[in-house]
Amino acid sequence: MSSNIAFTRLPTIELGEIISHMSDPRVAEHMPLLTFEWDAATAAAFVAQKEACWRRDGLGHWAILSDGAYVGWGGFQKEGMEWDFGLVLKPDQFGLGARISKKAIAFAIADPRIPYVTFLLPPSRKNRGALARFGAKPVGEIEYDGAVFLKYRFETT
């Protein structure tokens, strides 16, 4: 079944939808920095922080829609001088990850601001084949906010 994937801004999504998504324990399984409960204040602060990235950098995380329905969030966030790509889908939409990532990577390739993209994955993510298929190369392990991540890099040029 084919679906229409679209990127929009996070403020267009009801906070309750984001709270429900981010409160699912299956989402937290692979998010070592997700150590708190989501409520209206947390969700509003999250959206405000992501919008601040858009104002500061001209790019940030999107809400991701499939056939008009919210399926998760993700996109590019500047970490120092690097553009990091992240994707957090609703558990029942995990199968869309490759299609969404492919569309986002095409965006990065077309954007002259992004000479390469980094990906940070927790070591709990055992299936990393999609990164290799995209051409991302392992860089090593890094610590971020007290958690260890596997870092990959994909050249867009």
C-alpha atoms as a PDB file:
ATOM      1  CA  MET A   1       0.000   0.000   0.000  1.00  0.00           C
ATOM      2  CA  SER A   2       1.410   3.366  -1.009  1.00  0.00           C
ATOM      3  CA  SER A   3       0.979   6.476   1.085  1.00  0.00           C
ATOM      4  CA  ASN A   4       1.642  10.128   0.461  1.00  0.00           C
ATOM      5  CA  ILE A   5       4.432  11.341   2.771  1.00  0.00           C
ATOM      6  CA  ALA A   6       4.484  15.051   3.601  1.00  0.00           C
ATOM      7  CA  PHE A   7       6.533  17.244   5.925  1.00  0.00           C
ATOM      8  CA  THR A   8       4.882  20.084   7.839  1.00  0.00           C
ATOM      9  CA  ARG A   9       5.711  22.124  10.916  1.00  0.00           C
ATOM     10  CA  LEU A  10       5.143  20.691  14.385  1.00  0.00           C
ATOM     11  CA  PRO A  11       2.786  23.470  15.587  1.00  0.00           C
ATOM     12  CA  THR A  12       0.169  22.162  13.130  1.00  0.00           C
ATOM     13  CA  ILE A  13      -0.155  18.960  15.202  1.00  0.00           C
ATOM     14  CA  GLU A  14      -2.392  18.765  18.275  1.00  0.00           C
ATOM     15  CA  LEU A  15      -0.280  18.502  21.433  1.00  0.00           C
ATOM     16  CA  GLY A  16      -2.328  15.488  22.552  1.00  0.00           C
ATOM     17  CA  GLU A  17      -1.187  13.636  19.433  1.00  0.00           C
ATOM     18  CA  ILE A  18       2.475  14.333  20.250  1.00  0.00           C
ATOM     19  CA  ILE A  19       1.973  13.423  23.919  1.00  0.00           C
ATOM     20  CA  SER A  20       0.396  10.099  22.986  1.00  0.00           C
ATOM     21  CA  HIS A  21       3.180   9.356  20.513  1.00  0.00           C
ATOM     22  CA  MET A  22       6.027  10.213  22.861  1.00  0.00           C
ATOM     23  CA  SER A  23       4.415   8.437  25.831  1.00  0.00           C
ATOM     24  CA  ASP A  24       4.380   5.065  24.074  1.00  0.00           C
ATOM     25  CA  PRO A  25       6.946   2.797  25.807  1.00  0.00           C
ATOM     26  CA  ARG A  26       7.918   1.309  22.422  1.00  0.00           C
ATOM     27  CA  VAL A  27       9.163   4.759  21.376  1.00  0.00           C
ATOM     28  CA  ALA A  28      11.219   5.159  24.560  1.00  0.00           C
ATOM     29  CA  GLU A  29      12.936   1.781  24.019  1.00  0.00           C
ATOM     30  CA  HIS A  30      15.437   3.322  21.620  1.00  0.00           C
ATOM     31  CA  MET A  31      15.570   6.835  23.063  1.00  0.00           C
ATOM     32  CA  PRO A  32      17.974   6.805  26.001  1.00  0.00           C
ATOM     33  CA  LEU A  33      17.445  10.532  26.589  1.00  0.00           C
ATOM     34  CA  LEU A  34      13.682  10.057  27.011  1.00  0.00           C
ATOM     35  CA  THR A  35      13.673   9.735  30.795  1.00  0.00           C
ATOM     36  CA  PHE A  36      10.644  11.882  31.642  1.00  0.00           C
ATOM     37  CA  GLU A  37       6.899  11.804  31.192  1.00  0.00           C
ATOM     38  CA  TRP A  38       5.195  13.788  28.483  1.00  0.00           C
ATOM     39  CA  ASP A  39       2.390  16.169  29.350  1.00  0.00           C
ATOM     40  CA  ALA A  40       0.998  19.348  27.787  1.00  0.00           C
ATOM     41  CA  ALA A  41       3.814  21.512  29.176  1.00  0.00           C
ATOM     42  CA  THR A  42       6.508  19.086  27.966  1.00  0.00           C
ATOM     43  CA  ALA A  43       4.959  18.839  24.504  1.00  0.00           C
ATOM     44  CA  ALA A  44       4.558  22.622  24.212  1.00  0.00           C
ATOM     45  CA  ALA A  45       8.193  23.162  25.276  1.00  0.00           C
ATOM     46  CA  PHE A  46       9.318  20.507  22.758  1.00  0.00           C
ATOM     47  CA  VAL A  47       7.455  22.195  19.894  1.00  0.00           C
ATOM     48  CA  ALA A  48       8.786  25.615  20.951  1.00  0.00           C
ATOM     49  CA  GLN A  49      12.362  24.280  21.054  1.00  0.00           C
ATOM     50  CA  LYS A  50      12.027  22.740  17.589  1.00  0.00           C
ATOM     51  CA  GLU A  51      10.541  25.968  16.216  1.00  0.00           C
ATOM     52  CA  ALA A  52      13.474  27.906  17.735  1.00  0.00           C
ATOM     53  CA  CYS A  53      15.788  25.758  15.579  1.00  0.00           C
ATOM     54  CA  TRP A  54      13.831  26.805  12.500  1.00  0.00           C
ATOM     55  CA  ARG A  55      14.209  30.485  13.448  1.00  0.00           C
ATOM     56  CA  ARG A  56      17.918  30.122  14.274  1.00  0.00           C
ATOM     57  CA  ASP A  57      19.021  27.809  11.441  1.00  0.00           C
ATOM     58  CA  GLY A  58      16.296  28.045   8.793  1.00  0.00           C
ATOM     59  CA  LEU A  59      15.704  24.310   9.132  1.00  0.00           C
ATOM     60  CA  GLY A  60      14.614  21.895  11.824  1.00  0.00           C
ATOM     61  CA  HIS A  61      12.371  18.989  12.624  1.00  0.00           C
ATOM     62  CA  TRP A  62       9.088  18.475  10.845  1.00  0.00           C
ATOM     63  CA  ALA A  63       5.875  16.752  11.757  1.00  0.00           C
ATOM     64  CA  ILE A  64       5.573  13.885   9.308  1.00  0.00           C
ATOM     65  CA  LEU A  65       2.262  13.018   7.711  1.00  0.00           C
ATOM     66  CA  SER A  66       1.197   9.932   5.788  1.00  0.00           C
ATOM     67  CA  ASP A  67      -1.963  10.482   3.777  1.00  0.00           C
ATOM     68  CA  GLY A  68      -2.591  13.542   5.950  1.00  0.00           C
ATOM     69  CA  ALA A  69      -2.294  11.726   9.303  1.00  0.00           C
ATOM     70  CA  TYR A  70       0.480  12.409  11.819  1.00  0.00           C
ATOM     71  CA  VAL A  71       2.910   9.468  11.946  1.00  0.00           C
ATOM     72  CA  GLY A  72       5.854  11.037  13.794  1.00  0.00           C
ATOM     73  CA  TRP A  73       8.446  13.741  13.694  1.00  0.00           C
ATOM     74  CA  GLY A  74      11.948  14.112  12.367  1.00  0.00           C
ATOM     75  CA  GLY A  75      14.261  16.118  10.227  1.00  0.00           C
ATOM     76  CA  PHE A  76      17.504  18.018  10.488  1.00  0.00           C
ATOM     77  CA  GLN A  77      18.855  19.785  13.526  1.00  0.00           C
ATOM     78  CA  LYS A  78      22.141  21.609  13.651  1.00  0.00           C
ATOM     79  CA  GLU A  79      24.485  20.170  16.264  1.00  0.00           C
ATOM     80  CA  GLY A  80      27.530  22.442  16.323  1.00  0.00           C
ATOM     81  CA  MET A  81      28.545  22.652  12.658  1.00  0.00           C
ATOM     82  CA  GLU A  82      26.852  19.373  11.681  1.00  0.00           C
ATOM     83  CA  TRP A  83      23.347  18.677  10.466  1.00  0.00           C
ATOM     84  CA  ASP A  84      22.016  15.670  12.361  1.00  0.00           C
ATOM     85  CA  PHE A  85      19.033  13.720  11.059  1.00  0.00           C
ATOM     86  CA  GLY A  86      16.597  12.213  13.513  1.00  0.00           C
ATOM     87  CA  LEU A  87      13.367  10.308  13.017  1.00  0.00           C
ATOM     88  CA  VAL A  88      10.848   9.280  15.682  1.00  0.00           C
ATOM     89  CA  LEU A  89       7.830   7.425  14.340  1.00  0.00           C
ATOM     90  CA  LYS A  90       4.736   6.057  16.013  1.00  0.00           C
ATOM     91  CA  PRO A  91       5.292   2.318  16.601  1.00  0.00           C
ATOM     92  CA  ASP A  92       2.546   1.306  14.179  1.00  0.00           C
ATOM     93  CA  GLN A  93       4.310   3.401  11.505  1.00  0.00           C
ATOM     94  CA  PHE A  94       7.878   2.089  11.922  1.00  0.00           C
ATOM     95  CA  GLY A  95       7.620   0.507   8.465  1.00  0.00           C
ATOM     96  CA  LEU A  96       7.562   3.980   6.881  1.00  0.00           C
ATOM     97  CA  GLY A  97      11.044   4.825   8.165  1.00  0.00           C
ATOM     98  CA  ALA A  98      12.951   3.974   4.993  1.00  0.00           C
ATOM     99  CA  ARG A  99      10.552   5.910   2.719  1.00  0.00           C
ATOM    100  CA  ILE A 100      10.554   8.944   4.989  1.00  0.00           C
ATOM    101  CA  SER A 101      14.335   8.867   5.368  1.00  0.00           C
ATOM    102  CA  LYS A 102      14.795   8.589   1.605  1.00  0.00           C
ATOM    103  CA  LYS A 103      12.626  11.680   1.066  1.00  0.00           C
ATOM    104  CA  ALA A 104      14.493  13.595   3.792  1.00  0.00           C
ATOM    105  CA  ILE A 105      17.914  12.602   2.417  1.00  0.00           C
ATOM    106  CA  ALA A 106      16.833  13.780  -1.046  1.00  0.00           C
ATOM    107  CA  PHE A 107      15.978  17.110   0.611  1.00  0.00           C
ATOM    108  CA  ALA A 108      19.470  17.231   2.200  1.00  0.00           C
ATOM    109  CA  ILE A 109      21.195  16.427  -1.089  1.00  0.00           C
ATOM    110  CA  ALA A 110      19.325  19.296  -2.771  1.00  0.00           C
ATOM    111  CA  ASP A 111      20.088  21.777   0.043  1.00  0.00           C
ATOM    112  CA  PRO A 112      23.478  23.506  -0.361  1.00  0.00           C
ATOM    113  CA  ARG A 113      23.634  24.199   3.401  1.00  0.00           C
ATOM    114  CA  ILE A 114      24.012  20.473   4.113  1.00  0.00           C
ATOM    115  CA  PRO A 115      27.362  19.053   2.865  1.00  0.00           C
ATOM    116  CA  TYR A 116      26.814  15.926   4.948  1.00  0.00           C
ATOM    117  CA  VAL A 117      24.334  14.470   7.409  1.00  0.00           C
ATOM    118  CA  THR A 118      25.076  12.736  10.691  1.00  0.00           C
ATOM    119  CA  PHE A 119      22.949  10.099  12.381  1.00  0.00           C
ATOM    120  CA  LEU A 120      23.130   9.182  16.069  1.00  0.00           C
ATOM    121  CA  LEU A 121      21.749   5.781  16.983  1.00  0.00           C
ATOM    122  CA  PRO A 122      21.611   4.195  20.409  1.00  0.00           C
ATOM    123  CA  PRO A 123      23.511   0.882  20.581  1.00  0.00           C
ATOM    124  CA  SER A 124      20.130  -0.799  21.281  1.00  0.00           C
ATOM    125  CA  ARG A 125      19.248  -0.277  17.591  1.00  0.00           C
ATOM    126  CA  LYS A 126      20.530  -3.522  16.135  1.00  0.00           C
ATOM    127  CA  ASN A 127      19.120  -3.102  12.619  1.00  0.00           C
ATOM    128  CA  ARG A 128      21.415  -0.585  10.949  1.00  0.00           C
ATOM    129  CA  GLY A 129      21.207  -1.942   7.395  1.00  0.00           C
ATOM    130  CA  ALA A 130      19.196   1.021   6.153  1.00  0.00           C
ATOM    131  CA  LEU A 131      22.076   3.368   6.973  1.00  0.00           C
ATOM    132  CA  ALA A 132      24.481   1.239   4.939  1.00  0.00           C
ATOM    133  CA  ARG A 133      22.016   1.166   2.030  1.00  0.00           C
ATOM    134  CA  PHE A 134      21.887   4.989   2.117  1.00  0.00           C
ATOM    135  CA  GLY A 135      25.679   5.036   2.045  1.00  0.00           C
ATOM    136  CA  ALA A 136      26.196   6.261   5.607  1.00  0.00           C
ATOM    137  CA  LYS A 137      29.547   5.286   7.109  1.00  0.00           C
ATOM    138  CA  PRO A 138      30.226   4.600  10.795  1.00  0.00           C
ATOM    139  CA  VAL A 139      32.245   7.335  12.497  1.00  0.00           C
ATOM    140  CA  GLY A 140      32.442   5.814  15.979  1.00  0.00           C
ATOM    141  CA  GLU A 141      30.809   6.188  19.370  1.00  0.00           C
ATOM    142  CA  ILE A 142      30.067   9.529  20.991  1.00  0.00           C
ATOM    143  CA  GLU A 143      28.559  10.557  24.290  1.00  0.00           C
ATOM    144  CA  TYR A 144      25.666  12.987  24.162  1.00  0.00           C
ATOM    145  CA  ASP A 145      23.934  14.211  27.338  1.00  0.00           C
ATOM    146  CA  GLY A 146      25.358  11.246  29.259  1.00  0.00           C
ATOM    147  CA  ALA A 147      24.235   8.548  26.783  1.00  0.00           C
ATOM    148  CA  VAL A 148      26.363   6.663  24.267  1.00  0.00           C
ATOM    149  CA  PHE A 149      25.383   6.769  20.617  1.00  0.00           C
ATOM    150  CA  LEU A 150      26.759   5.252  17.432  1.00  0.00           C
ATOM    151  CA  LYS A 151      27.535   8.038  14.981  1.00  0.00           C
ATOM    152  CA  TYR A 152      27.235   7.685  11.207  1.00  0.00           C
ATOM    153  CA  ARG A 153      27.889  10.171   8.429  1.00  0.00           C
ATOM    154  CA  PHE A 154      26.452  10.486   4.944  1.00  0.00           C
ATOM    155  CA  GLU A 155      28.062  12.771   2.342  1.00  0.00           C
ATOM    156  CA  THR A 156      25.418  14.677   0.384  1.00  0.00           C
ATOM    157  CA  THR A 157      27.792  16.128  -2.210  1.00  0.00           C
END
